[in-house]
N, C-alpha and C. Protein backbone atom coordinates (compact mmCIF):
# COMPACT_ATOMS: atom_id res chain seq x y z
N MET A 1 33.90 -66.07 -56.37
CA MET A 1 32.44 -66.14 -56.28
C MET A 1 31.91 -66.55 -57.65
N THR A 2 31.02 -67.52 -57.65
CA THR A 2 30.45 -67.99 -58.90
C THR A 2 29.08 -67.36 -59.13
N LEU A 3 28.60 -67.54 -60.32
CA LEU A 3 27.27 -67.04 -60.64
C LEU A 3 26.21 -67.74 -59.79
N THR A 4 26.42 -69.01 -59.50
CA THR A 4 25.50 -69.74 -58.63
C THR A 4 25.43 -69.11 -57.25
N ASP A 5 26.58 -68.69 -56.72
CA ASP A 5 26.60 -68.03 -55.41
C ASP A 5 25.77 -66.76 -55.40
N LEU A 6 25.69 -66.10 -56.54
CA LEU A 6 24.91 -64.86 -56.64
C LEU A 6 23.42 -65.14 -56.87
N LEU A 7 23.12 -66.19 -57.64
CA LEU A 7 21.73 -66.44 -58.01
C LEU A 7 20.91 -67.15 -56.94
N VAL A 8 21.52 -68.07 -56.22
CA VAL A 8 20.76 -68.88 -55.26
C VAL A 8 20.06 -68.01 -54.21
N PRO A 9 20.74 -67.05 -53.57
CA PRO A 9 20.03 -66.22 -52.59
C PRO A 9 18.88 -65.41 -53.23
N THR A 10 19.07 -64.97 -54.45
CA THR A 10 18.01 -64.22 -55.14
C THR A 10 16.80 -65.11 -55.38
N TYR A 11 17.04 -66.31 -55.89
CA TYR A 11 15.93 -67.23 -56.16
C TYR A 11 15.26 -67.68 -54.86
N ARG A 12 16.06 -67.90 -53.83
CA ARG A 12 15.50 -68.30 -52.54
C ARG A 12 14.57 -67.21 -52.00
N ASN A 13 15.00 -65.97 -52.09
CA ASN A 13 14.19 -64.85 -51.63
C ASN A 13 12.89 -64.76 -52.44
N MET A 14 13.01 -64.92 -53.75
CA MET A 14 11.82 -64.85 -54.61
C MET A 14 10.83 -65.96 -54.26
N LEU A 15 11.34 -67.17 -54.04
CA LEU A 15 10.45 -68.28 -53.70
C LEU A 15 9.82 -68.12 -52.32
N GLN A 16 10.57 -67.57 -51.38
CA GLN A 16 10.00 -67.34 -50.04
C GLN A 16 8.89 -66.29 -50.11
N THR A 17 9.08 -65.26 -50.91
CA THR A 17 8.04 -64.25 -51.09
C THR A 17 6.81 -64.86 -51.74
N LEU A 18 7.04 -65.66 -52.76
CA LEU A 18 5.94 -66.32 -53.46
C LEU A 18 5.20 -67.27 -52.52
N LYS A 19 5.94 -68.01 -51.71
CA LYS A 19 5.32 -68.90 -50.74
C LYS A 19 4.44 -68.12 -49.75
N GLY A 20 4.93 -66.96 -49.31
CA GLY A 20 4.14 -66.13 -48.41
C GLY A 20 2.84 -65.69 -49.05
N LEU A 21 2.90 -65.31 -50.33
CA LEU A 21 1.68 -64.91 -51.04
C LEU A 21 0.70 -66.08 -51.16
N LEU A 22 1.23 -67.25 -51.50
CA LEU A 22 0.36 -68.43 -51.64
C LEU A 22 -0.23 -68.85 -50.30
N ASP A 23 0.56 -68.77 -49.24
CA ASP A 23 0.04 -69.11 -47.90
C ASP A 23 -1.07 -68.14 -47.49
N GLU A 24 -0.89 -66.86 -47.79
CA GLU A 24 -1.91 -65.87 -47.44
C GLU A 24 -3.20 -66.11 -48.23
N ALA A 25 -3.04 -66.42 -49.51
CA ALA A 25 -4.24 -66.70 -50.33
C ALA A 25 -4.94 -67.95 -49.84
N GLU A 26 -4.16 -68.99 -49.49
CA GLU A 26 -4.77 -70.21 -48.98
C GLU A 26 -5.50 -69.95 -47.67
N ALA A 27 -4.94 -69.10 -46.83
CA ALA A 27 -5.58 -68.76 -45.55
C ALA A 27 -6.91 -68.05 -45.79
N GLN A 28 -6.95 -67.20 -46.82
CA GLN A 28 -8.18 -66.46 -47.11
C GLN A 28 -9.23 -67.34 -47.79
N LEU A 29 -8.79 -68.26 -48.65
CA LEU A 29 -9.74 -69.05 -49.44
C LEU A 29 -10.03 -70.42 -48.83
N GLY A 30 -9.12 -70.97 -48.05
CA GLY A 30 -9.27 -72.31 -47.53
C GLY A 30 -8.52 -73.30 -48.40
N ALA A 31 -8.07 -74.39 -47.78
CA ALA A 31 -7.24 -75.38 -48.46
C ALA A 31 -7.99 -76.11 -49.57
N GLY A 32 -9.29 -76.23 -49.48
CA GLY A 32 -10.06 -76.98 -50.46
C GLY A 32 -10.27 -76.30 -51.79
N GLU A 33 -9.95 -75.05 -51.91
CA GLU A 33 -10.22 -74.30 -53.14
C GLU A 33 -8.93 -74.07 -53.94
N ALA A 34 -8.25 -75.15 -54.31
CA ALA A 34 -6.96 -75.04 -54.99
C ALA A 34 -7.10 -74.35 -56.36
N GLU A 35 -8.12 -74.66 -57.11
CA GLU A 35 -8.31 -74.02 -58.42
C GLU A 35 -8.58 -72.53 -58.28
N ALA A 36 -9.40 -72.17 -57.32
CA ALA A 36 -9.71 -70.76 -57.10
C ALA A 36 -8.49 -69.99 -56.62
N LEU A 37 -7.56 -70.70 -55.99
CA LEU A 37 -6.36 -70.06 -55.46
C LEU A 37 -5.56 -69.35 -56.55
N LEU A 38 -5.42 -69.98 -57.71
CA LEU A 38 -4.62 -69.39 -58.78
C LEU A 38 -5.27 -68.17 -59.42
N SER A 39 -6.58 -68.07 -59.36
CA SER A 39 -7.25 -66.90 -59.95
C SER A 39 -7.61 -65.86 -58.88
N ALA A 40 -7.25 -66.15 -57.64
CA ALA A 40 -7.59 -65.25 -56.53
C ALA A 40 -6.69 -64.01 -56.53
N ARG A 41 -7.25 -62.91 -56.06
CA ARG A 41 -6.49 -61.67 -55.86
C ARG A 41 -6.49 -61.37 -54.37
N LEU A 42 -5.29 -61.06 -53.84
CA LEU A 42 -5.19 -60.73 -52.43
C LEU A 42 -5.73 -59.33 -52.17
N ALA A 43 -5.71 -58.50 -53.19
CA ALA A 43 -6.24 -57.14 -53.11
C ALA A 43 -6.77 -56.80 -54.51
N PRO A 44 -7.74 -55.90 -54.60
CA PRO A 44 -8.33 -55.58 -55.91
C PRO A 44 -7.34 -55.00 -56.92
N ASP A 45 -6.26 -54.38 -56.44
CA ASP A 45 -5.36 -53.70 -57.36
C ASP A 45 -4.11 -54.51 -57.73
N ILE A 46 -4.08 -55.81 -57.43
CA ILE A 46 -2.94 -56.63 -57.84
C ILE A 46 -3.40 -57.75 -58.78
N PHE A 47 -2.44 -58.35 -59.48
CA PHE A 47 -2.74 -59.43 -60.42
C PHE A 47 -3.18 -60.68 -59.67
N PRO A 48 -3.89 -61.58 -60.37
CA PRO A 48 -4.18 -62.88 -59.77
C PRO A 48 -2.87 -63.62 -59.46
N LEU A 49 -2.91 -64.56 -58.54
CA LEU A 49 -1.69 -65.25 -58.10
C LEU A 49 -1.01 -66.03 -59.21
N ALA A 50 -1.72 -66.51 -60.19
CA ALA A 50 -1.09 -67.26 -61.28
C ALA A 50 -0.12 -66.39 -62.07
N THR A 51 -0.35 -65.09 -62.10
CA THR A 51 0.50 -64.19 -62.88
C THR A 51 1.95 -64.19 -62.39
N PRO A 52 2.25 -64.01 -61.11
CA PRO A 52 3.65 -64.09 -60.69
C PRO A 52 4.18 -65.51 -60.55
N VAL A 53 3.31 -66.49 -60.39
CA VAL A 53 3.76 -67.86 -60.18
C VAL A 53 4.39 -68.43 -61.45
N MET A 54 3.76 -68.25 -62.58
CA MET A 54 4.25 -68.86 -63.83
C MET A 54 5.64 -68.38 -64.23
N PRO A 55 5.91 -67.07 -64.27
CA PRO A 55 7.27 -66.66 -64.63
C PRO A 55 8.31 -67.05 -63.59
N ALA A 56 7.92 -67.07 -62.32
CA ALA A 56 8.87 -67.48 -61.28
C ALA A 56 9.29 -68.92 -61.47
N ILE A 57 8.34 -69.78 -61.78
CA ILE A 57 8.65 -71.19 -62.01
C ILE A 57 9.53 -71.34 -63.25
N ALA A 58 9.20 -70.64 -64.32
CA ALA A 58 10.00 -70.72 -65.55
C ALA A 58 11.42 -70.22 -65.32
N LEU A 59 11.56 -69.14 -64.59
CA LEU A 59 12.88 -68.57 -64.32
C LEU A 59 13.76 -69.56 -63.57
N ILE A 60 13.23 -70.16 -62.54
CA ILE A 60 14.02 -71.07 -61.73
C ILE A 60 14.23 -72.40 -62.44
N LYS A 61 13.25 -72.84 -63.19
CA LYS A 61 13.37 -74.09 -63.94
C LYS A 61 14.51 -74.02 -64.94
N ASP A 62 14.68 -72.89 -65.59
CA ASP A 62 15.72 -72.73 -66.60
C ASP A 62 17.03 -72.20 -66.04
N ALA A 63 17.09 -71.93 -64.75
CA ALA A 63 18.27 -71.30 -64.16
C ALA A 63 19.51 -72.17 -64.30
N LYS A 64 19.35 -73.46 -64.13
CA LYS A 64 20.51 -74.34 -64.20
C LYS A 64 21.14 -74.30 -65.59
N ALA A 65 20.33 -74.36 -66.62
CA ALA A 65 20.86 -74.31 -67.99
C ALA A 65 21.49 -72.96 -68.27
N ARG A 66 20.84 -71.89 -67.86
CA ARG A 66 21.40 -70.55 -68.09
C ARG A 66 22.71 -70.38 -67.32
N ASN A 67 22.75 -70.87 -66.10
CA ASN A 67 23.95 -70.75 -65.29
C ASN A 67 25.11 -71.47 -65.96
N ARG A 68 24.86 -72.67 -66.48
CA ARG A 68 25.92 -73.43 -67.15
C ARG A 68 26.44 -72.66 -68.35
N ILE A 69 25.55 -72.07 -69.12
CA ILE A 69 25.96 -71.30 -70.30
C ILE A 69 26.75 -70.07 -69.89
N PHE A 70 26.27 -69.33 -68.88
CA PHE A 70 26.99 -68.14 -68.42
C PHE A 70 28.39 -68.49 -67.93
N GLU A 71 28.50 -69.59 -67.17
CA GLU A 71 29.81 -70.00 -66.67
C GLU A 71 30.74 -70.35 -67.83
N GLU A 72 30.23 -71.02 -68.87
CA GLU A 72 31.05 -71.35 -70.03
C GLU A 72 31.50 -70.09 -70.76
N VAL A 73 30.61 -69.12 -70.91
CA VAL A 73 30.97 -67.87 -71.58
C VAL A 73 32.03 -67.13 -70.77
N LEU A 74 31.85 -67.08 -69.44
CA LEU A 74 32.84 -66.41 -68.61
C LEU A 74 34.21 -67.09 -68.72
N GLN A 75 34.22 -68.42 -68.76
CA GLN A 75 35.48 -69.14 -68.89
C GLN A 75 36.12 -68.86 -70.24
N LEU A 76 35.32 -68.78 -71.31
CA LEU A 76 35.85 -68.47 -72.63
C LEU A 76 36.44 -67.07 -72.66
N ASN A 77 35.76 -66.11 -72.04
CA ASN A 77 36.26 -64.75 -72.00
C ASN A 77 37.59 -64.67 -71.25
N VAL A 78 37.67 -65.35 -70.13
CA VAL A 78 38.91 -65.33 -69.35
C VAL A 78 40.01 -66.04 -70.11
N ALA A 79 39.71 -67.19 -70.70
CA ALA A 79 40.72 -67.95 -71.44
C ALA A 79 41.16 -67.21 -72.70
N GLY A 80 40.28 -66.45 -73.31
CA GLY A 80 40.58 -65.76 -74.54
C GLY A 80 41.34 -64.46 -74.38
N GLN A 81 41.45 -63.97 -73.15
CA GLN A 81 42.17 -62.71 -72.92
C GLN A 81 43.67 -62.98 -72.96
N GLU A 82 44.36 -62.15 -73.72
CA GLU A 82 45.80 -62.29 -73.79
C GLU A 82 46.44 -61.64 -72.58
N GLN A 83 47.51 -62.24 -72.13
CA GLN A 83 48.25 -61.67 -71.00
C GLN A 83 49.06 -60.47 -71.50
N PRO A 84 49.11 -59.39 -70.74
CA PRO A 84 49.89 -58.23 -71.16
C PRO A 84 51.37 -58.56 -71.24
N ALA A 85 52.03 -57.98 -72.23
CA ALA A 85 53.48 -58.20 -72.39
C ALA A 85 54.23 -57.51 -71.26
N ARG A 86 55.30 -58.17 -70.79
CA ARG A 86 56.08 -57.58 -69.69
C ARG A 86 57.43 -57.19 -70.18
């Protein structure tokens, strides 16, 4: 199992949740109010929609680079381990 196998389902779930929030906000505000959508709150006690959108985009945008680095580190760790003497 690779790191990609672990991360893709997590990112997919996060994006599906985010899509559900955006769809709900669009349903409440209407399709024509795109600017208002990012500052809209679905409930008074939660952050505006732009707050979870920005870090989610940054996380997924950088995932490929981070994944490549993690895979290289894991390969170095495995390659650097000495085999036990028999």
